[in-house]
Every structure is written in structure tokens, then in C-alpha cells.
Amino acid sequence: MTSMRTQAPETDLLIPLPADGETWDPHTVHTHFLGFSVPEAQIGAVVYFRYQPAFPLLGGGVGIYQGTSNVRPLDVEHLNWWNTMPYSQFEDGRLSAANGLTLEVVVPGEELRVRYESRDGRTSFDVTQLGVSPLVARGSLMPALEGGTDPAQLPGGSEQFMHVTGRLTLNGEHHDVDCVSIRDRSWRQLRPEGQGFVDMPPLGWTPLHFGDDLALNAFSFEPPHTDPAWAGLFDVPVDGPFHQGHPYVIRNGEISPIARVERNVLEYHPQTFQAVRQELLTVEEDGRELRFEGRAVASASLPMWHNIAFVDSVFRWQDELGRVAHNSYQECWFDTYQREIKKRADRRVGA
């Protein structure tokens, strides 16, 4: 059986700069991604810190969206995304960014606090995130980037499901936050952003958490036999694999590798082109199968990397026992797919 690694808790604080006399590749990044949702109000939120230590600069911000009609980034309820800010470092476990975001690592590997207030004071949040799963190790996710990072830099990454509680004020309207969301981070990884650098089908991130007895995490694209929208654009082996990285299931703290992932999109958003209704099948190394059905209750196109389309969403998932979980779903793709899918949409409008 494949062994799944975990990361040391102190990696939460790892955002190093080059030492005196060192020169790092300008594409080297560290990241912190965090999120939360208010499913009953169809609200999702993304928080992202993107450190570029070679310069050094900090980028990222906050995107809070409601409903599924957020076609452009500025359609969302609140967006505050900066490409360049002064590089920040943790002081006593707390890091503050110039755009009003504060990340506090209260207990590494276990507890975080994330705060934000907009310039006009009409949007703010203060949420605590408590780990409900191990701090699972992960590496690079884009095929063209695998092996592109210098091993001498000791690159790494982690993922963890978090129970998020607190308060959100969105344009003057108050909401209680009580959800489970995944967070992830990277350090010393290379993220080249050149046009056409990565050519692959849309990649979807499906972290599902139904309780201590069942959670799973997978990055995957649609298999050819599901008649995906990308058919004819990319050369994907019919027998797979259809996942990236190392998908896994967590049951009561025990991590089990997933051997096969099949994600079948049943409906696409007519304007953003992301999956809004889909099925997910996972097969573990011992042959155990799990099946899920999901639909988007909130979604939005948001900034993320350059030369990429990125959509974040809140999905309502249901397992074979009828249990329901609301979790984030992210999808990204590059220019080859975007141009073709837009041409098809334009033809349908003109028909």
C-alpha cells in the first residue's frame, strides 16, 4: 500500500527568503490558501497569500461571492486583490498584509485565526480555523511543473480540513460562519506563468468532508469516456490515470490512498464554463469504491495566477447513504480550452 506522509506543524510558519548571496528562481513561491462558506446564504470566501521571495513581494487577497452568477471577478460581493504588496513575515505567529488581511498561526498544525476589514468598514470577518484532519503532505499539482522545482530547496506543501467558526459582515449584512473547509499551502515551489506553459484539460479540486469517519481529497480531470467538454483538444489515455498528485481518504484520522478517480460533469455553467453538477467516483487501493453527487450553490470567477482561468465554488455533495456536506470546489484551465469552449458558446448564441 502507498504510504501517505504528513508535514511537521511548524511548516505553517515557513516563508523563507534567500540568504545573503543566494539567488532564487523568480518563479519560486510560498502560499497560504484558506477559505470558508455560509452555504445557507449561498456565500463562499477565498483568502490567498502568495509570497514571491526572490523579489521579495507579497500578493493575494480576499474574494467573497454569493450565488452562481459571478461571471467576472468584479461581479462578486467583495473583492480586494493586490498583485504587489511589501513582503510580510510572521512576528509572534502573526502576519499582516497591506490589504487588511491578518493571518495568525495560534497553534501550528492545529489552529489558525484569519481577520480582515475593508477600507470602508462594510465588509469584515474574524474566523478561527481548527484542524479536524492530519496535516497531509502534498507536492506540485500541474504536470508541467512536476520535477521543475530544485530538490535542494526542500520544496513542500500541505493540506488540512478545518472547522471554521466566526463572524462575517458582507456589505453591512452579518452572517455566522460555521463550516468545514480545506486549507493548503506550498513553500519553495516553482510556478512558471508563461503563456502556453501548461496544456491540459480543466483540473478540478474536490475536497469532501462528511465527518470524522469520511473525508477525501482529490485533484482530477474528466475521463475521455464521460464525453467531456474538452474532448478532441487533449490527448488523455483512455485508461487513465485521471488524477494529479496523490488523492486520499481519511477515516477517523487514518489516511488511505486512492488509486483511481473519475469525475463526470453532468452540467456546465453557460458563462463561466465550470462544472455546476457532477458525479465523483473514487476507488481505493483495496478496491473499495465511494460515489458522490454534487451541485454548486455558489460560484465565482476570481483572480489567482496569471494566464489561467480560475473558478471557486461551494458545492453541496451527497454520498450513497444520503449524507450531505458543503465544501469548496475549485476548477482551473488554460487558454487552449478557454478559446475553444468560448467559440462553442458563441455558436450556440448565434444559432
Protein backbone atom coordinates (compact mmCIF):
# COMPACT_ATOMS: atom_id res chain seq x y z
CA MET A 1 0.00 0.00 0.00
CA THR A 2 1.20 3.51 -0.84
CA SER A 3 2.33 5.43 2.23
CA MET A 4 0.89 8.92 2.78
CA ARG A 5 3.11 11.45 4.53
CA THR A 6 2.23 14.27 6.89
CA GLN A 7 4.06 17.54 7.41
CA ALA A 8 5.56 18.95 10.59
CA PRO A 9 3.28 21.56 12.23
CA GLU A 10 5.98 24.26 12.16
CA THR A 11 5.80 24.31 8.33
CA ASP A 12 2.76 26.58 8.79
CA LEU A 13 5.24 29.38 9.52
CA LEU A 14 7.66 28.58 6.69
CA ILE A 15 8.03 31.56 4.28
CA PRO A 16 11.82 31.90 3.96
CA LEU A 17 13.76 34.49 1.98
CA PRO A 18 17.03 33.82 0.11
CA ALA A 19 20.07 34.04 2.33
CA ASP A 20 22.65 36.73 1.70
CA GLY A 21 24.42 35.95 -1.56
CA GLU A 22 21.76 33.46 -2.73
CA THR A 23 19.79 33.87 -5.94
CA TRP A 24 16.45 32.09 -6.24
CA ASP A 25 14.44 31.44 -9.39
CA PRO A 26 11.94 34.33 -9.73
CA HIS A 27 9.12 31.79 -10.12
CA THR A 28 9.69 30.48 -6.58
CA VAL A 29 6.58 30.90 -4.43
CA HIS A 30 5.23 30.16 -0.98
CA THR A 31 1.45 30.23 -0.47
CA HIS A 32 -1.29 30.10 2.14
CA PHE A 33 -4.80 29.33 0.84
CA LEU A 34 -7.75 29.45 3.23
CA GLY A 35 -11.49 29.66 2.77
CA PHE A 36 -14.89 29.41 4.38
CA SER A 37 -18.56 29.39 3.40
CA VAL A 38 -22.07 30.16 4.59
CA PRO A 39 -23.98 27.60 2.49
CA GLU A 40 -27.45 28.61 3.71
CA ALA A 41 -26.78 32.11 2.31
CA GLN A 42 -25.03 30.78 -0.83
CA ILE A 43 -21.79 32.51 0.21
CA GLY A 44 -18.23 31.40 -0.42
CA ALA A 45 -14.96 33.11 0.52
CA VAL A 46 -11.36 32.75 -0.64
CA VAL A 47 -8.29 34.06 1.19
CA TYR A 48 -4.92 33.78 -0.54
CA PHE A 49 -1.37 34.80 0.33
CA ARG A 50 1.17 34.40 -2.49
CA TYR A 51 4.76 35.11 -1.47
CA GLN A 52 7.43 35.74 -4.11
CA PRO A 53 10.66 35.62 -2.07
CA ALA A 54 13.07 36.28 -4.95
CA PHE A 55 11.90 39.93 -5.22
CA PRO A 56 10.58 39.95 -2.39
CA LEU A 57 6.85 40.67 -2.82
CA LEU A 58 3.52 39.51 -1.42
CA GLY A 59 0.33 39.17 -3.49
CA GLY A 60 -3.19 37.88 -2.99
CA GLY A 61 -6.27 38.98 -1.16
CA VAL A 62 -9.94 38.31 -0.43
CA GLY A 63 -12.80 37.27 -2.69
CA ILE A 64 -16.31 36.84 -1.22
CA TYR A 65 -19.13 35.80 -3.56
CA GLN A 66 -22.83 34.93 -3.36
CA GLY A 67 -24.92 32.86 -5.76
CA THR A 68 -23.78 31.48 -9.12
CA SER A 69 -24.00 34.48 -11.47
CA ASN A 70 -20.47 35.79 -10.82
CA VAL A 71 -19.07 35.62 -14.33
CA ARG A 72 -16.33 38.23 -13.86
CA PRO A 73 -14.24 38.88 -10.75
CA LEU A 74 -15.90 42.24 -10.14
CA ASP A 75 -19.34 40.56 -10.11
CA VAL A 76 -18.63 39.20 -6.62
CA GLU A 77 -19.92 40.80 -3.43
CA HIS A 78 -16.45 41.88 -2.29
CA LEU A 79 -13.05 41.71 -3.97
CA ASN A 80 -9.78 43.11 -2.66
CA TRP A 81 -6.90 41.51 -4.59
CA TRP A 82 -3.42 43.05 -4.77
CA ASN A 83 -0.66 41.86 -7.10
CA THR A 84 2.14 43.57 -5.21
CA MET A 85 2.48 44.29 -1.50
CA PRO A 86 5.51 44.54 0.76
CA TYR A 87 6.77 41.12 1.82
CA SER A 88 5.45 40.20 5.27
CA GLN A 89 6.96 37.91 7.88
CA PHE A 90 5.44 36.23 10.92
CA GLU A 91 6.01 38.02 14.20
CA ASP A 92 4.90 36.06 17.26
CA GLY A 93 2.86 33.86 14.90
CA ARG A 94 1.03 36.80 13.29
CA LEU A 95 1.37 38.10 9.74
CA SER A 96 -0.33 41.25 8.43
CA ALA A 97 -0.72 42.24 4.76
CA ALA A 98 -1.13 45.75 3.39
CA ASN A 99 -4.64 44.99 2.07
CA GLY A 100 -6.17 44.49 5.54
CA LEU A 101 -5.64 40.74 5.94
CA THR A 102 -4.14 39.20 9.07
CA LEU A 103 -3.16 35.55 9.43
CA GLU A 104 -2.35 34.27 12.89
CA VAL A 105 -0.92 30.80 13.48
CA VAL A 106 -2.22 30.23 17.02
CA VAL A 107 -1.06 26.60 17.25
CA PRO A 108 0.98 25.35 14.27
CA GLY A 109 -0.73 22.47 12.53
CA GLU A 110 -3.87 22.87 14.65
CA GLU A 111 -5.36 26.37 14.94
CA LEU A 112 -5.37 29.49 12.77
CA ARG A 113 -7.17 32.81 13.00
CA VAL A 114 -7.90 34.91 9.91
CA ARG A 115 -9.12 38.51 10.10
CA TYR A 116 -9.96 41.16 7.55
CA GLU A 117 -11.57 44.59 7.34
CA SER A 118 -12.23 46.57 4.16
CA ARG A 119 -11.29 50.23 3.82
CA ASP A 120 -14.92 51.35 4.08
CA GLY A 121 -15.61 49.06 7.05
CA ARG A 122 -18.66 47.49 5.39
CA THR A 123 -17.02 44.07 4.90
CA SER A 124 -15.03 42.20 7.53
CA PHE A 125 -14.55 38.78 9.05
CA ASP A 126 -12.91 37.19 12.04
CA VAL A 127 -12.78 33.40 11.83
CA THR A 128 -10.98 30.67 13.74
CA GLN A 129 -9.90 27.54 11.90
CA LEU A 130 -9.37 24.33 13.89
CA GLY A 131 -7.79 21.30 12.24
CA VAL A 132 -10.05 18.23 12.01
CA SER A 133 -7.67 16.07 9.97
CA PRO A 134 -3.93 15.39 9.74
CA LEU A 135 -1.64 17.90 8.02
CA VAL A 136 -1.21 15.82 4.86
CA ALA A 137 1.85 16.40 2.68
CA ARG A 138 1.42 17.30 -0.97
CA GLY A 139 3.66 18.35 -3.80
CA SER A 140 3.19 20.14 -7.10
CA LEU A 141 -0.09 19.66 -8.96
CA MET A 142 0.46 20.82 -12.54
CA PRO A 143 2.00 18.09 -14.75
CA ALA A 144 4.37 20.50 -16.49
CA LEU A 145 5.70 21.63 -13.11
CA GLU A 146 6.41 18.17 -11.71
CA GLY A 147 10.15 17.85 -11.22
CA GLY A 148 10.66 21.52 -12.10
CA THR A 149 11.44 22.51 -8.52
CA ASP A 150 15.00 22.27 -7.24
CA PRO A 151 15.11 19.41 -4.66
CA ALA A 152 17.94 21.23 -2.89
CA GLN A 153 15.40 23.91 -1.95
CA LEU A 154 13.41 21.28 0.01
CA PRO A 155 10.07 22.26 -1.60
CA GLY A 156 6.86 21.08 0.01
CA GLY A 157 3.21 21.62 0.68
CA SER A 158 0.35 20.57 2.94
CA GLU A 159 -3.44 20.23 3.09
CA GLN A 160 -5.80 20.06 6.07
CA PHE A 161 -9.54 20.14 6.67
CA MET A 162 -10.54 22.88 9.12
CA HIS A 163 -13.65 23.55 11.20
CA VAL A 164 -14.21 27.27 10.65
CA THR A 165 -16.27 29.39 13.04
CA GLY A 166 -16.71 33.13 13.48
CA ARG A 167 -18.47 36.14 12.03
CA LEU A 168 -18.71 37.65 8.55
CA THR A 169 -20.06 41.09 7.73
CA LEU A 170 -20.64 41.37 3.99
CA ASN A 171 -21.59 44.83 2.74
CA GLY A 172 -23.19 45.59 6.08
CA GLU A 173 -25.06 42.27 6.41
CA HIS A 174 -24.00 39.96 9.25
CA HIS A 175 -23.58 36.17 8.96
CA ASP A 176 -22.47 33.49 11.38
CA VAL A 177 -19.77 31.19 9.98
CA ASP A 178 -19.78 27.50 10.95
CA CYS A 179 -18.45 25.21 8.23
CA VAL A 180 -15.71 22.77 7.30
CA SER A 181 -13.26 23.98 4.66
CA ILE A 182 -9.89 22.80 3.42
CA ARG A 183 -6.74 24.88 3.53
CA ASP A 184 -3.48 24.29 1.73
CA ARG A 185 -0.07 25.82 1.37
CA SER A 186 3.17 25.49 -0.56
CA TRP A 187 6.75 26.52 0.04
CA ARG A 188 9.76 26.84 -2.26
CA GLN A 189 7.78 25.61 -5.28
CA LEU A 190 8.22 26.88 -8.84
CA ARG A 191 5.16 28.32 -10.59
CA PRO A 192 6.13 29.46 -14.10
CA GLU A 193 3.36 31.60 -15.58
CA GLY A 194 4.26 31.81 -19.26
CA GLN A 195 1.51 31.62 -21.86
CA GLY A 196 1.02 28.06 -23.11
CA PHE A 197 3.35 26.65 -20.46
CA VAL A 198 0.77 24.09 -19.31
CA ASP A 199 -1.60 22.41 -21.79
CA MET A 200 -4.10 20.11 -20.10
CA PRO A 201 -7.84 19.60 -19.53
CA PRO A 202 -9.63 21.55 -16.80
CA LEU A 203 -8.43 20.40 -13.39
CA GLY A 204 -10.95 20.15 -10.53
CA TRP A 205 -10.22 20.06 -6.81
CA THR A 206 -12.77 18.05 -4.82
CA PRO A 207 -12.17 18.11 -1.04
CA LEU A 208 -15.16 16.43 0.67
CA HIS A 209 -15.73 16.21 4.43
CA PHE A 210 -18.77 14.35 5.82
CA GLY A 211 -17.40 13.88 9.34
CA ASP A 212 -14.57 12.21 11.21
CA ASP A 213 -15.49 8.89 9.59
CA LEU A 214 -15.25 10.10 5.99
CA ALA A 215 -13.28 12.80 4.21
CA LEU A 216 -11.42 12.70 0.92
CA ASN A 217 -9.32 14.94 -1.27
CA ALA A 218 -8.58 14.66 -4.98
CA PHE A 219 -7.46 16.72 -7.98
CA SER A 220 -8.77 15.30 -11.24
CA PHE A 221 -9.92 15.94 -14.78
CA GLU A 222 -12.82 14.32 -16.60
CA PRO A 223 -12.07 10.93 -18.23
CA PRO A 224 -12.46 10.64 -22.01
CA HIS A 225 -15.31 8.11 -21.71
CA THR A 226 -17.55 10.68 -19.94
CA ASP A 227 -17.77 12.80 -23.15
CA PRO A 228 -16.13 15.85 -21.53
CA ALA A 229 -16.30 19.34 -22.98
CA TRP A 230 -12.54 19.13 -23.63
CA ALA A 231 -12.91 16.10 -25.98
CA GLY A 232 -10.75 16.47 -29.08
CA LEU A 233 -8.46 19.09 -27.55
CA PHE A 234 -6.13 16.99 -25.39
CA ASP A 235 -4.51 13.57 -25.63
CA VAL A 236 -5.51 11.71 -22.44
CA PRO A 237 -5.01 7.92 -22.14
CA VAL A 238 -8.40 6.21 -22.06
CA ASP A 239 -7.37 4.04 -19.12
CA GLY A 240 -6.08 6.93 -17.00
CA PRO A 241 -4.96 7.92 -14.52
CA PHE A 242 -7.32 10.89 -14.36
CA HIS A 243 -5.98 12.44 -11.16
CA GLN A 244 -2.99 14.60 -10.28
CA GLY A 245 -0.89 14.31 -7.16
CA HIS A 246 -1.83 11.75 -4.51
CA PRO A 247 -5.57 11.56 -3.70
CA TYR A 248 -6.60 10.07 -0.37
CA VAL A 249 -9.43 9.17 2.01
CA ILE A 250 -9.37 9.97 5.74
CA ARG A 251 -11.34 7.84 8.21
CA ASN A 252 -11.00 8.67 11.91
CA GLY A 253 -7.55 10.15 11.37
CA GLU A 254 -6.27 7.27 9.22
CA ILE A 255 -5.15 8.23 5.71
CA SER A 256 -5.74 5.74 2.86
CA PRO A 257 -4.51 6.33 -0.72
CA ILE A 258 -6.97 6.48 -3.59
CA ALA A 259 -5.91 4.53 -6.68
CA ARG A 260 -8.46 5.85 -9.18
CA VAL A 261 -10.60 8.97 -9.53
CA GLU A 262 -13.37 9.51 -12.07
CA ARG A 263 -15.20 12.83 -12.17
CA ASN A 264 -18.16 13.05 -14.56
CA VAL A 265 -19.53 16.55 -15.20
CA LEU A 266 -23.28 16.49 -15.86
CA GLU A 267 -23.79 20.22 -16.35
CA TYR A 268 -21.54 23.20 -17.09
CA HIS A 269 -22.17 26.84 -16.25
CA PRO A 270 -23.25 28.54 -19.51
CA GLN A 271 -20.99 31.57 -18.99
CA THR A 272 -18.10 30.61 -16.73
CA PHE A 273 -17.93 27.05 -18.19
CA GLN A 274 -17.15 25.45 -14.82
CA ALA A 275 -18.79 22.25 -13.57
CA VAL A 276 -22.03 23.04 -11.71
CA ARG A 277 -23.34 19.48 -11.41
CA GLN A 278 -21.15 16.39 -11.32
CA GLU A 279 -20.54 12.87 -10.06
CA LEU A 280 -17.40 11.64 -8.32
CA LEU A 281 -16.15 8.05 -8.08
CA THR A 282 -13.09 7.08 -6.04
CA VAL A 283 -11.50 3.63 -5.83
CA GLU A 284 -9.06 2.91 -3.03
CA GLU A 285 -6.08 0.59 -3.35
CA ASP A 286 -8.04 -2.23 -1.68
CA GLY A 287 -10.82 -1.86 -4.28
CA ARG A 288 -13.31 -0.04 -2.06
CA GLU A 289 -15.49 2.36 -4.06
CA LEU A 290 -17.16 5.58 -2.99
CA ARG A 291 -19.68 7.52 -5.08
CA PHE A 292 -20.92 11.09 -4.66
CA GLU A 293 -23.18 13.56 -6.43
CA GLY A 294 -22.73 17.31 -6.17
CA ARG A 295 -24.08 20.64 -7.39
CA ALA A 296 -22.87 24.22 -7.00
CA VAL A 297 -24.81 26.51 -4.65
CA ALA A 298 -22.36 29.39 -5.13
CA SER A 299 -19.55 30.05 -7.61
CA ALA A 300 -17.36 32.84 -8.97
CA SER A 301 -14.55 33.59 -11.36
CA LEU A 302 -11.71 35.01 -9.27
CA PRO A 303 -8.11 36.19 -9.74
CA MET A 304 -5.43 33.64 -8.92
CA TRP A 305 -2.45 33.03 -11.21
CA HIS A 306 -1.70 34.81 -14.47
CA ASN A 307 -2.61 33.11 -17.77
CA ILE A 308 -5.21 30.90 -16.11
CA ALA A 309 -8.98 30.76 -15.66
CA PHE A 310 -9.91 30.09 -12.04
CA VAL A 311 -13.34 29.43 -10.52
CA ASP A 312 -14.09 28.86 -6.84
CA SER A 313 -17.40 27.44 -5.68
CA VAL A 314 -19.36 25.95 -2.80
CA PHE A 315 -20.70 22.50 -3.64
CA ARG A 316 -23.48 20.54 -1.98
CA TRP A 317 -22.30 16.91 -2.01
CA GLN A 318 -24.34 13.82 -1.18
CA ASP A 319 -22.94 10.35 -0.53
CA GLU A 320 -24.54 6.96 -1.16
CA LEU A 321 -26.10 7.00 2.33
CA GLY A 322 -27.82 10.32 1.67
CA ARG A 323 -25.49 12.34 3.91
CA VAL A 324 -24.90 15.93 2.82
CA ALA A 325 -21.71 18.01 3.01
CA HIS A 326 -20.95 21.51 1.76
CA ASN A 327 -17.35 22.01 0.66
CA SER A 328 -15.35 24.17 -1.70
CA TYR A 329 -14.75 23.07 -5.29
CA GLN A 330 -12.14 24.76 -7.45
CA GLU A 331 -11.50 24.43 -11.14
CA CYS A 332 -8.83 25.88 -13.41
CA TRP A 333 -7.85 25.70 -17.05
CA PHE A 334 -5.64 27.40 -19.60
CA ASP A 335 -6.04 29.27 -22.87
CA THR A 336 -6.45 26.33 -25.28
CA TYR A 337 -9.59 25.16 -23.51
CA GLN A 338 -10.97 28.67 -22.89
CA ARG A 339 -10.77 29.70 -26.54
CA GLU A 340 -12.48 26.54 -27.78
CA ILE A 341 -15.26 26.47 -25.18
CA LYS A 342 -15.98 30.15 -25.81
CA LYS A 343 -16.23 29.54 -29.58
CA ARG A 344 -18.78 26.80 -28.92
CA ALA A 345 -20.78 29.05 -26.61
CA ASP A 346 -20.71 31.85 -29.20
CA ARG A 347 -22.01 29.46 -31.88
CA ARG A 348 -24.90 28.40 -29.62
CA VAL A 349 -25.86 32.03 -29.03
CA GLY A 350 -25.72 32.78 -32.75
CA ALA A 351 -27.66 29.68 -33.77
